Amino acid sequence: MTASTDRQDDGGEPSASTPRTPLSELARRAIRERIIDGSYAQGARVVEREIAEDLRMSRVPVREALRALVEEGLLDLLPHSGVRVRRLERSDVEHLYDVWEPLAIQASRLAARRVALPSAGQAADLAVLRAALEQAEAAAAAGERTRENDAGTAFHDRIVALADNPLLAQLMQRLNGQLRLLFGLNTEPAPMRAQHSEMYERIAAGDVEAAGAITLLHVRKSRELALRSVTSASGP
């Protein structure tokens, strides 16, 4: 992993118009993805020095990244012994879905309401939303579970973007990592894809009430599958 994501011009210098991504943010993204895809297992201790060596960074940005991931709820701080990947319990799932459910419903309602209003850019926004569905279907057909999960998460992210409410987007971003972790545990993705398609149709039709109703069903089904996955992963 390189230490900078700056684009370079023909002379090899970083473009002045391209902002530099902080090393701590690059480290946070890398560690976050490894937690979500299972490379760092739930309950496993995460060692700052080893991660710094793996990412070819100093320990300072890695330490900052780990702190951010503790705040995000993906890591647990251990007294006097670093951090470990959070092990999700049934209560964690219940608490997360209790918060996500009303936010997800409102996101779909606001997205549908915006589509129903005569304004520019709706076709492009809906095309991006539709593309996430197609990417998930293509990934499922290819048996690429991680890519399917990413596309499903992107579908929800794009509904939030379409809703065009900065405060809602901020609240949803706070839940994003833990939701992605739960989505990745789901062993029955087909019902989720089918409900995503229904959500898209209701939003695209500008039907606020129907969009909210199908999103409620979707979140409830997702909760059921997440609880089943967490229970199965924890064993008898």
Protein backbone atom coordinates (compact mmCIF):
# COMPACT_ATOMS: atom_id res chain seq x y z
CA MET A 1 0.00 0.00 0.00
CA THR A 2 1.44 3.36 -0.94
CA ALA A 3 1.51 6.31 1.38
CA SER A 4 -0.22 8.74 -0.96
CA THR A 5 -3.13 8.66 -3.38
CA ASP A 6 -2.25 11.91 -5.15
CA ARG A 7 -2.44 11.88 -8.90
CA GLN A 8 0.61 13.12 -10.71
CA ASP A 9 0.90 15.26 -13.83
CA ASP A 10 3.33 14.62 -16.66
CA GLY A 11 6.17 16.08 -14.64
CA GLY A 12 5.67 13.59 -11.83
CA GLU A 13 4.54 16.15 -9.23
CA PRO A 14 1.27 15.81 -7.31
CA SER A 15 -1.54 17.87 -8.80
CA ALA A 16 -2.19 21.04 -6.82
CA SER A 17 -5.94 20.55 -7.28
CA THR A 18 -5.94 17.05 -5.78
CA PRO A 19 -6.13 16.97 -1.98
CA ARG A 20 -3.73 14.67 -0.17
CA THR A 21 -5.40 11.87 1.81
CA PRO A 22 -3.95 11.71 5.34
CA LEU A 23 -1.98 8.58 6.12
CA SER A 24 -4.21 7.92 9.13
CA GLU A 25 -7.25 7.82 6.83
CA LEU A 26 -5.52 5.45 4.41
CA ALA A 27 -4.64 3.20 7.34
CA ARG A 28 -8.20 3.39 8.70
CA ARG A 29 -9.64 2.34 5.34
CA ALA A 30 -7.21 -0.57 4.98
CA ILE A 31 -7.78 -1.90 8.51
CA ARG A 32 -11.53 -1.39 8.20
CA GLU A 33 -11.70 -3.46 5.01
CA ARG A 34 -9.74 -6.28 6.61
CA ILE A 35 -12.14 -6.36 9.53
CA ILE A 36 -15.17 -6.37 7.25
CA ASP A 37 -13.87 -9.06 4.88
CA GLY A 38 -12.84 -11.27 7.81
CA SER A 39 -9.08 -11.03 7.34
CA TYR A 40 -9.02 -9.83 10.95
CA ALA A 41 -11.38 -12.20 12.74
CA GLN A 42 -13.84 -11.10 15.40
CA GLY A 43 -12.16 -11.20 18.79
CA ALA A 44 -8.64 -11.18 17.33
CA ARG A 45 -6.08 -8.86 18.87
CA VAL A 46 -4.77 -6.19 16.50
CA VAL A 47 -1.11 -5.26 16.93
CA GLU A 48 -0.15 -1.72 15.99
CA ARG A 49 3.46 -2.59 15.13
CA GLU A 50 2.49 -5.46 12.83
CA ILE A 51 -0.06 -3.36 10.97
CA ALA A 52 2.44 -0.53 10.52
CA GLU A 53 4.93 -2.98 9.02
CA ASP A 54 2.27 -4.51 6.78
CA LEU A 55 1.10 -1.11 5.50
CA ARG A 56 4.65 0.23 5.33
CA MET A 57 3.77 3.20 7.48
CA SER A 58 5.02 4.64 10.74
CA ARG A 59 3.10 3.68 13.87
CA VAL A 60 1.66 7.18 14.39
CA PRO A 61 -0.97 7.14 11.59
CA VAL A 62 -1.80 3.51 12.40
CA ARG A 63 -2.37 4.46 16.05
CA GLU A 64 -4.70 7.27 14.93
CA ALA A 65 -6.55 4.86 12.63
CA LEU A 66 -7.05 2.35 15.43
CA ARG A 67 -8.47 5.06 17.68
CA ALA A 68 -10.91 6.07 14.94
CA LEU A 69 -12.03 2.46 14.49
CA VAL A 70 -12.61 2.11 18.24
CA GLU A 71 -14.91 5.14 18.00
CA GLU A 72 -16.58 3.60 14.94
CA GLY A 73 -17.39 0.48 16.93
CA LEU A 74 -15.30 -1.98 14.94
CA LEU A 75 -12.54 -2.36 17.54
CA ASP A 76 -12.58 -2.72 21.32
CA LEU A 77 -9.98 -1.03 23.50
CA LEU A 78 -8.27 -3.46 25.87
CA PRO A 79 -6.93 -2.16 29.20
CA HIS A 80 -3.13 -1.93 28.98
CA SER A 81 -2.97 -4.32 25.99
CA GLY A 82 -4.01 -2.60 22.78
CA VAL A 83 -7.15 -3.34 20.78
CA ARG A 84 -9.04 -6.28 19.36
CA VAL A 85 -11.69 -6.73 16.68
CA ARG A 86 -15.11 -6.36 18.20
CA ARG A 87 -17.05 -9.58 18.63
CA LEU A 88 -20.68 -8.87 17.80
CA GLU A 89 -23.27 -10.26 20.19
CA ARG A 90 -27.05 -10.49 19.78
CA SER A 91 -27.49 -7.34 21.83
CA ASP A 92 -25.14 -5.45 19.49
CA VAL A 93 -27.25 -6.49 16.50
CA GLU A 94 -30.49 -5.51 18.22
CA HIS A 95 -29.14 -2.11 19.23
CA LEU A 96 -27.76 -1.42 15.76
CA TYR A 97 -30.98 -2.33 13.96
CA ASP A 98 -33.08 -0.36 16.45
CA VAL A 99 -31.20 2.73 15.29
CA TRP A 100 -30.79 1.85 11.61
CA GLU A 101 -34.43 0.96 10.98
CA PRO A 102 -35.97 4.45 11.27
CA LEU A 103 -33.00 6.05 9.51
CA ALA A 104 -33.18 3.62 6.56
CA ILE A 105 -36.93 4.13 6.22
CA GLN A 106 -36.56 7.90 6.28
CA ALA A 107 -33.74 7.75 3.71
CA SER A 108 -35.99 5.84 1.28
CA ARG A 109 -38.91 8.18 1.90
CA LEU A 110 -36.79 11.28 1.30
CA ALA A 111 -35.23 9.75 -1.81
CA ALA A 112 -38.66 8.95 -3.25
CA ARG A 113 -39.93 12.42 -2.38
CA ARG A 114 -36.99 14.01 -4.15
CA VAL A 115 -37.57 11.87 -7.24
CA ALA A 116 -41.21 12.97 -7.27
CA LEU A 117 -40.20 16.64 -7.39
CA PRO A 118 -39.52 18.28 -10.79
CA SER A 119 -35.78 18.92 -10.62
CA ALA A 120 -32.69 18.27 -12.68
CA GLY A 121 -30.35 15.34 -12.14
CA GLN A 122 -32.91 12.73 -11.11
CA ALA A 123 -32.24 10.44 -14.05
CA ALA A 124 -28.51 10.37 -13.31
CA ASP A 125 -29.08 9.75 -9.61
CA LEU A 126 -31.45 6.87 -10.32
CA ALA A 127 -29.03 5.44 -12.87
CA VAL A 128 -26.32 5.30 -10.19
CA LEU A 129 -28.76 3.60 -7.82
CA ARG A 130 -29.74 1.11 -10.52
CA ALA A 131 -26.07 0.42 -11.27
CA ALA A 132 -25.55 -0.80 -7.69
CA LEU A 133 -28.33 -3.36 -8.20
CA GLU A 134 -26.78 -4.58 -11.44
CA GLN A 135 -23.34 -4.83 -9.84
CA ALA A 136 -24.76 -6.94 -7.02
CA GLU A 137 -26.51 -9.27 -9.46
CA ALA A 138 -23.36 -9.65 -11.57
CA ALA A 139 -21.26 -10.38 -8.49
CA ALA A 140 -23.79 -12.96 -7.26
CA ALA A 141 -23.80 -14.68 -10.63
CA ALA A 142 -20.00 -14.83 -10.53
CA GLY A 143 -20.00 -16.13 -6.95
CA GLU A 144 -18.05 -13.09 -5.73
CA ARG A 145 -19.54 -12.66 -2.27
CA THR A 146 -17.37 -9.75 -1.14
CA ARG A 147 -18.10 -7.73 -4.27
CA GLU A 148 -21.81 -8.52 -3.89
CA ASN A 149 -21.71 -7.29 -0.31
CA ASP A 150 -19.94 -4.09 -1.38
CA ALA A 151 -22.56 -3.44 -4.06
CA GLY A 152 -25.39 -4.01 -1.58
CA THR A 153 -23.81 -1.54 0.82
CA ALA A 154 -23.34 0.94 -2.04
CA PHE A 155 -27.06 0.63 -2.83
CA HIS A 156 -27.95 1.86 0.65
CA ASP A 157 -25.30 4.58 0.51
CA ARG A 158 -26.73 5.87 -2.77
CA ILE A 159 -30.25 6.00 -1.36
CA VAL A 160 -28.87 8.24 1.38
CA ALA A 161 -27.12 10.39 -1.22
CA LEU A 162 -30.35 10.65 -3.22
CA ALA A 163 -32.22 11.71 -0.06
CA ASP A 164 -29.98 14.80 -0.05
CA ASN A 165 -30.03 15.38 3.72
CA PRO A 166 -26.55 16.09 5.14
CA LEU A 167 -27.53 15.32 8.73
CA LEU A 168 -29.04 11.98 7.76
CA ALA A 169 -25.91 11.18 5.77
CA GLN A 170 -23.74 11.97 8.80
CA LEU A 171 -25.78 9.72 11.07
CA MET A 172 -25.78 6.86 8.57
CA GLN A 173 -22.04 7.14 8.05
CA ARG A 174 -21.54 6.50 11.75
CA LEU A 175 -23.27 3.12 11.37
CA ASN A 176 -21.73 2.16 8.05
CA GLY A 177 -18.83 0.04 9.27
CA GLN A 178 -20.87 -2.08 11.67
CA LEU A 179 -23.62 -2.55 9.09
CA ARG A 180 -21.12 -3.70 6.48
CA LEU A 181 -19.72 -6.17 8.99
CA LEU A 182 -23.20 -7.61 9.55
CA PHE A 183 -24.02 -7.67 5.84
CA GLY A 184 -20.85 -9.70 5.28
CA LEU A 185 -22.03 -12.34 7.77
CA ASN A 186 -25.29 -12.90 5.91
CA THR A 187 -25.38 -16.34 4.27
CA GLU A 188 -28.68 -15.69 2.46
CA PRO A 189 -28.07 -12.70 0.18
CA ALA A 190 -30.74 -13.52 -2.43
CA PRO A 191 -33.70 -12.14 -0.38
CA MET A 192 -31.76 -8.92 0.19
CA ARG A 193 -31.13 -8.43 -3.53
CA ALA A 194 -34.80 -9.05 -4.32
CA GLN A 195 -35.91 -6.48 -1.77
CA HIS A 196 -33.35 -3.99 -3.04
CA SER A 197 -35.00 -4.24 -6.45
CA GLU A 198 -38.40 -3.56 -4.91
CA MET A 199 -37.01 -0.58 -3.01
CA TYR A 200 -35.57 0.79 -6.23
CA GLU A 201 -38.90 0.48 -8.05
CA ARG A 202 -40.78 2.35 -5.29
CA ILE A 203 -38.17 5.09 -5.08
CA ALA A 204 -37.98 5.45 -8.86
CA ALA A 205 -41.77 5.80 -8.96
CA GLY A 206 -41.59 8.60 -6.39
CA ASP A 207 -43.94 6.68 -4.10
CA VAL A 208 -42.97 7.91 -0.65
CA GLU A 209 -45.23 5.65 1.41
CA ALA A 210 -44.49 2.49 -0.57
CA ALA A 211 -40.75 3.19 -0.46
CA GLY A 212 -40.91 3.48 3.32
CA ALA A 213 -43.03 0.34 3.66
CA ILE A 214 -40.77 -1.92 1.60
CA THR A 215 -37.70 -0.54 3.38
CA LEU A 216 -39.27 -1.47 6.72
CA LEU A 217 -39.76 -5.04 5.48
CA HIS A 218 -36.19 -5.08 4.18
CA VAL A 219 -34.63 -3.92 7.44
CA ARG A 220 -36.72 -6.39 9.44
CA LYS A 221 -35.62 -9.25 7.18
CA SER A 222 -32.01 -8.08 7.38
CA ARG A 223 -32.26 -8.03 11.17
CA GLU A 224 -33.59 -11.59 11.19
CA LEU A 225 -30.74 -12.85 9.01
CA ALA A 226 -28.12 -10.93 10.98
CA LEU A 227 -29.32 -12.37 14.27
CA ARG A 228 -29.27 -15.85 12.76
CA SER A 229 -25.72 -15.34 11.50
CA VAL A 230 -24.41 -13.98 14.79
CA THR A 231 -26.06 -16.79 16.73
CA SER A 232 -24.58 -19.38 14.37
CA ALA A 233 -21.12 -17.80 14.52
CA SER A 234 -21.12 -17.80 18.34
CA GLY A 235 -21.89 -21.52 18.44
CA PRO A 236 -24.16 -23.42 20.84
